[in-house]
C-alpha atoms as a PDB file:
ATOM      1  CA  MET A   1       0.000   0.000   0.000  1.00  0.00           C
ATOM      2  CA  SER A   2       2.838   2.438   0.674  1.00  0.00           C
ATOM      3  CA  ARG A   3       4.012   2.080  -2.940  1.00  0.00           C
ATOM      4  CA  ILE A   4       0.497   2.889  -4.189  1.00  0.00           C
ATOM      5  CA  GLU A   5       0.304   5.913  -1.869  1.00  0.00           C
ATOM      6  CA  ARG A   6       3.658   7.187  -3.152  1.00  0.00           C
ATOM      7  CA  GLU A   7       2.702   6.728  -6.809  1.00  0.00           C
ATOM      8  CA  LEU A   8      -0.646   8.474  -6.276  1.00  0.00           C
ATOM      9  CA  MET A   9       1.171  11.383  -4.614  1.00  0.00           C
ATOM     10  CA  LEU A  10       3.504  11.615  -7.595  1.00  0.00           C
ATOM     11  CA  LEU A  11       0.603  11.319 -10.044  1.00  0.00           C
ATOM     12  CA  GLY A  12      -1.111  14.252  -8.321  1.00  0.00           C
ATOM     13  CA  ARG A  13       2.101  16.249  -8.523  1.00  0.00           C
ATOM     14  CA  HIS A  14       2.572  15.478 -12.213  1.00  0.00           C
ATOM     15  CA  ALA A  15      -1.047  16.344 -12.967  1.00  0.00           C
ATOM     16  CA  SER A  16      -0.907  19.707 -11.199  1.00  0.00           C
ATOM     17  CA  MET A  17       2.671  20.795 -11.909  1.00  0.00           C
ATOM     18  CA  GLY A  18       4.099  18.646 -14.632  1.00  0.00           C
ATOM     19  CA  SER A  19       3.056  17.572 -18.075  1.00  0.00           C
ATOM     20  CA  ALA A  20      -0.442  19.065 -18.125  1.00  0.00           C
ATOM     21  CA  GLY A  21       0.980  22.436 -17.098  1.00  0.00           C
ATOM     22  CA  ARG A  22       3.142  22.679 -20.194  1.00  0.00           C
ATOM     23  CA  CYS A  23       0.467  22.127 -22.815  1.00  0.00           C
ATOM     24  CA  ARG A  24      -1.171  25.004 -24.664  1.00  0.00           C
ATOM     25  CA  PRO A  25      -4.630  24.738 -26.256  1.00  0.00           C
ATOM     26  CA  THR A  26      -3.937  26.892 -29.310  1.00  0.00           C
ATOM     27  CA  GLU A  27      -1.710  29.764 -30.333  1.00  0.00           C
ATOM     28  CA  GLY A  28      -2.581  32.849 -28.289  1.00  0.00           C
ATOM     29  CA  GLN A  29      -5.170  31.037 -26.147  1.00  0.00           C
ATOM     30  CA  GLU A  30      -4.469  30.730 -22.431  1.00  0.00           C
ATOM     31  CA  ARG A  31      -5.073  27.433 -20.678  1.00  0.00           C
ATOM     32  CA  LEU A  32      -7.977  27.209 -18.305  1.00  0.00           C
ATOM     33  CA  GLU A  33      -7.145  27.382 -14.618  1.00  0.00           C
ATOM     34  CA  ARG A  34      -7.369  23.989 -12.899  1.00  0.00           C
ATOM     35  CA  SER A  35     -10.558  24.885 -10.992  1.00  0.00           C
ATOM     36  CA  ALA A  36     -12.182  26.257 -14.162  1.00  0.00           C
ATOM     37  CA  TYR A  37     -11.243  23.109 -16.087  1.00  0.00           C
ATOM     38  CA  LEU A  38     -12.768  20.887 -13.410  1.00  0.00           C
ATOM     39  CA  LEU A  39     -15.946  22.956 -13.026  1.00  0.00           C
ATOM     40  CA  LEU A  40     -16.489  23.236 -16.772  1.00  0.00           C
ATOM     41  CA  SER A  41     -15.856  19.500 -17.159  1.00  0.00           C
ATOM     42  CA  ARG A  42     -18.474  18.706 -14.513  1.00  0.00           C
ATOM     43  CA  LEU A  43     -21.063  21.068 -16.020  1.00  0.00           C
ATOM     44  CA  ASP A  44     -20.331  19.681 -19.472  1.00  0.00           C
ATOM     45  CA  ALA A  45     -20.821  16.108 -18.256  1.00  0.00           C
ATOM     46  CA  ALA A  46     -23.768  16.622 -15.893  1.00  0.00           C
ATOM     47  CA  GLY A  47     -25.613  19.629 -17.307  1.00  0.00           C
ATOM     48  CA  PRO A  48     -26.722  22.689 -15.310  1.00  0.00           C
ATOM     49  CA  MET A  49     -26.029  22.527 -11.572  1.00  0.00           C
ATOM     50  CA  SER A  50     -26.570  24.817  -8.607  1.00  0.00           C
ATOM     51  CA  ILE A  51     -23.725  26.100  -6.435  1.00  0.00           C
ATOM     52  CA  GLY A  52     -24.855  23.643  -3.742  1.00  0.00           C
ATOM     53  CA  GLN A  53     -24.791  20.713  -6.156  1.00  0.00           C
ATOM     54  CA  LEU A  54     -21.317  21.675  -7.367  1.00  0.00           C
ATOM     55  CA  ALA A  55     -20.092  22.078  -3.783  1.00  0.00           C
ATOM     56  CA  GLU A  56     -21.417  18.627  -2.941  1.00  0.00           C
ATOM     57  CA  ALA A  57     -19.925  17.079  -6.088  1.00  0.00           C
ATOM     58  CA  PHE A  58     -16.482  18.532  -5.347  1.00  0.00           C
ATOM     59  CA  ARG A  59     -16.777  18.189  -1.559  1.00  0.00           C
ATOM     60  CA  LEU A  60     -16.082  21.891  -1.129  1.00  0.00           C
ATOM     61  CA  ASP A  61     -17.698  24.656   0.882  1.00  0.00           C
ATOM     62  CA  CYS A  62     -20.379  26.606  -1.016  1.00  0.00           C
ATOM     63  CA  SER A  63     -18.441  29.848  -0.481  1.00  0.00           C
ATOM     64  CA  THR A  64     -15.380  28.327  -2.195  1.00  0.00           C
ATOM     65  CA  VAL A  65     -17.422  27.191  -5.190  1.00  0.00           C
ATOM     66  CA  ASN A  66     -19.197  30.554  -5.274  1.00  0.00           C
ATOM     67  CA  ARG A  67     -15.845  32.383  -5.500  1.00  0.00           C
ATOM     68  CA  GLN A  68     -14.577  30.026  -8.202  1.00  0.00           C
ATOM     69  CA  THR A  69     -17.729  30.278 -10.288  1.00  0.00           C
ATOM     70  CA  ALA A  70     -17.852  34.085  -9.913  1.00  0.00           C
ATOM     71  CA  VAL A  71     -14.519  34.310 -11.712  1.00  0.00           C
ATOM     72  CA  ILE A  72     -15.675  31.950 -14.460  1.00  0.00           C
ATOM     73  CA  LEU A  73     -18.976  33.829 -14.843  1.00  0.00           C
ATOM     74  CA  LYS A  74     -17.051  37.057 -15.524  1.00  0.00           C
ATOM     75  CA  THR A  75     -15.201  35.366 -18.385  1.00  0.00           C
ATOM     76  CA  GLY A  76     -18.453  34.251 -20.019  1.00  0.00           C
ATOM     77  CA  LEU A  77     -17.591  30.553 -19.887  1.00  0.00           C
ATOM     78  CA  ILE A  78     -20.644  29.771 -17.743  1.00  0.00           C
ATOM     79  CA  GLU A  79     -23.969  31.510 -17.231  1.00  0.00           C
ATOM     80  CA  ARG A  80     -26.720  31.566 -14.603  1.00  0.00           C
ATOM     81  CA  ILE A  81     -30.067  30.180 -15.686  1.00  0.00           C
ATOM     82  CA  LEU A  82     -33.409  29.558 -14.015  1.00  0.00           C
ATOM     83  CA  ASP A  83     -33.773  26.079 -12.567  1.00  0.00           C
ATOM     84  CA  PRO A  84     -35.240  23.969 -15.407  1.00  0.00           C
ATOM     85  CA  ASP A  85     -37.066  21.887 -12.747  1.00  0.00           C
ATOM     86  CA  GLY A  86     -38.840  24.974 -11.393  1.00  0.00           C
ATOM     87  CA  GLY A  87     -36.788  25.324  -8.200  1.00  0.00           C
ATOM     88  CA  THR A  88     -35.864  28.701  -6.729  1.00  0.00           C
ATOM     89  CA  ALA A  89     -32.081  28.291  -6.930  1.00  0.00           C
ATOM     90  CA  ARG A  90     -30.343  29.423 -10.086  1.00  0.00           C
ATOM     91  CA  ARG A  91     -28.215  26.910 -11.912  1.00  0.00           C
ATOM     92  CA  LEU A  92     -24.961  27.336 -13.741  1.00  0.00           C
ATOM     93  CA  ARG A  93     -24.653  26.183 -17.332  1.00  0.00           C
ATOM     94  CA  ILE A  94     -21.626  26.038 -19.593  1.00  0.00           C
ATOM     95  CA  THR A  95     -21.848  28.513 -22.485  1.00  0.00           C
ATOM     96  CA  ASP A  96     -20.915  27.797 -26.087  1.00  0.00           C
ATOM     97  CA  GLU A  97     -17.656  29.680 -25.482  1.00  0.00           C
ATOM     98  CA  GLY A  98     -17.060  27.641 -22.322  1.00  0.00           C
ATOM     99  CA  ALA A  99     -17.622  24.405 -24.239  1.00  0.00           C
ATOM    100  CA  ARG A 100     -15.254  25.592 -26.979  1.00  0.00           C
ATOM    101  CA  ARG A 101     -12.521  26.521 -24.487  1.00  0.00           C
ATOM    102  CA  LEU A 102     -12.978  23.246 -22.613  1.00  0.00           C
ATOM    103  CA  ARG A 103     -12.698  21.302 -25.882  1.00  0.00           C
ATOM    104  CA  LEU A 104      -9.493  23.144 -26.846  1.00  0.00           C
ATOM    105  CA  ASP A 105      -7.960  22.579 -23.421  1.00  0.00           C
ATOM    106  CA  ARG A 106      -8.939  18.908 -23.405  1.00  0.00           C
ATOM    107  CA  GLU A 107      -7.512  18.417 -26.920  1.00  0.00           C
ATOM    108  CA  ALA A 108      -4.227  19.985 -25.783  1.00  0.00           C
ATOM    109  CA  ARG A 109      -4.088  17.719 -22.740  1.00  0.00           C
ATOM    110  CA  VAL A 110      -4.780  14.638 -24.889  1.00  0.00           C
ATOM    111  CA  ARG A 111      -2.072  15.700 -27.378  1.00  0.00           C
ATOM    112  CA  ASN A 112       0.368  16.167 -24.520  1.00  0.00           C
ATOM    113  CA  LEU A 113      -0.483  12.771 -23.020  1.00  0.00           C
ATOM    114  CA  SER A 114      -0.153  11.171 -26.451  1.00  0.00           C
ATOM    115  CA  GLY A 115       3.354  12.595 -26.720  1.00  0.00           C
ATOM    116  CA  LEU A 116       4.282  11.430 -23.224  1.00  0.00           C
ATOM    117  CA  LEU A 117       2.909   7.930 -23.796  1.00  0.00           C
ATOM    118  CA  ASP A 118       3.907   7.465 -27.433  1.00  0.00           C
ATOM    119  CA  GLU A 119       6.203   4.561 -26.516  1.00  0.00           C
ATOM    120  CA  TRP A 120       3.426   2.676 -24.740  1.00  0.00           C
ATOM    121  CA  SER A 121       1.661  -0.097 -26.621  1.00  0.00           C
ATOM    122  CA  PRO A 122      -2.097   0.063 -27.252  1.00  0.00           C
ATOM    123  CA  ARG A 123      -2.455  -2.784 -24.752  1.00  0.00           C
ATOM    124  CA  GLU A 124      -0.542  -0.859 -22.057  1.00  0.00           C
ATOM    125  CA  LEU A 125      -2.641   2.250 -22.715  1.00  0.00           C
ATOM    126  CA  ALA A 126      -5.859   0.233 -22.455  1.00  0.00           C
ATOM    127  CA  THR A 127      -4.641  -1.324 -19.193  1.00  0.00           C
ATOM    128  CA  LEU A 128      -3.769   2.091 -17.749  1.00  0.00           C
ATOM    129  CA  ALA A 129      -7.180   3.483 -18.752  1.00  0.00           C
ATOM    130  CA  ARG A 130      -8.964   0.474 -17.262  1.00  0.00           C
ATOM    131  CA  VAL A 131      -7.053   0.606 -13.957  1.00  0.00           C
ATOM    132  CA  LEU A 132      -7.462   4.385 -13.586  1.00  0.00           C
ATOM    133  CA  THR A 133     -11.184   4.091 -14.315  1.00  0.00           C
ATOM    134  CA  ARG A 134     -11.542   1.319 -11.762  1.00  0.00           C
ATOM    135  CA  PHE A 135      -9.633   3.312  -9.142  1.00  0.00           C
ATOM    136  CA  ASN A 136     -11.669   6.464  -9.765  1.00  0.00           C
ATOM    137  CA  THR A 137     -15.021   4.659  -9.741  1.00  0.00           C
ATOM    138  CA  THR A 138     -14.037   2.903  -6.496  1.00  0.00           C
ATOM    139  CA  VAL A 139     -13.229   6.256  -4.863  1.00  0.00           C
ATOM    140  CA  GLU A 140     -16.440   7.779  -6.227  1.00  0.00           C
ATOM    141  CA  ARG A 141     -18.526   4.874  -4.951  1.00  0.00           C
ATOM    142  CA  HIS A 142     -16.884   5.168  -1.513  1.00  0.00           C
ATOM    143  CA  GLU A 143     -17.577   8.930  -1.427  1.00  0.00           C
ATOM    144  CA  GLY A 144     -21.075   8.497  -2.830  1.00  0.00           C
ATOM    145  CA  GLU A 145     -20.489  11.029  -5.604  1.00  0.00           C
ATOM    146  CA  PRO A 146     -19.928   9.406  -9.021  1.00  0.00           C
ATOM    147  CA  TRP A 147     -18.556  11.502 -11.854  1.00  0.00           C
ATOM    148  CA  PRO A 148     -20.797  11.375 -14.933  1.00  0.00           C
ATOM    149  CA  ARG A 149     -19.120   9.368 -17.674  1.00  0.00           C
ATOM    150  CA  ALA A 150     -19.835   8.872 -21.354  1.00  0.00           C
ATOM    151  CA  GLU A 151     -19.886   5.360 -22.725  1.00  0.00           C
ATOM    152  CA  ALA A 152     -16.498   3.651 -22.802  1.00  0.00           C
ATOM    153  CA  PRO A 153     -14.451   4.332 -25.961  1.00  0.00           C
ATOM    154  CA  GLY A 154     -14.147   1.638 -28.577  1.00  0.00           C
ATOM    155  CA  PRO A 155     -10.981  -0.223 -29.533  1.00  0.00           C
ATOM    156  CA  GLY A 156      -7.772   1.687 -30.033  1.00  0.00           C
ATOM    157  CA  LEU A 157      -6.233   4.494 -28.044  1.00  0.00           C
ATOM    158  CA  PRO A 158      -8.188   5.265 -24.861  1.00  0.00           C
ATOM    159  CA  SER A 159      -9.982   8.611 -24.847  1.00  0.00           C
END
């Protein structure tokens, strides 16, 4: 278990400081901040959510999520909408520009990972994707907050 703990610590470090930090979406386009990338990804996957729902999903205080979303609202990447279910709380929805920026950032991250893992075989890549998915779904099940996922990708390089 100590080896797993160490490798997870290093994985977190690499994700926040290493390879993903060096990628650029497109010429002249700044990368999304980590919190913006995560929030936009969740809204893109789950649809409109309230501040409370986002706070619960990320296990953060509502005031923290409120501050983070306020910054993203000012950039026009998300917008406030009326609750489609008729509730009183407003929901946040990703805008077309937010979806475009998220797509560009995600494409840059995938390109960067492809370059880092270009010596790995398709079988090794599939194994890594399967093990990471299993680990993440186990954590999500334990926390009671699953991350919305699209259907699994077909054969070939994992998405």
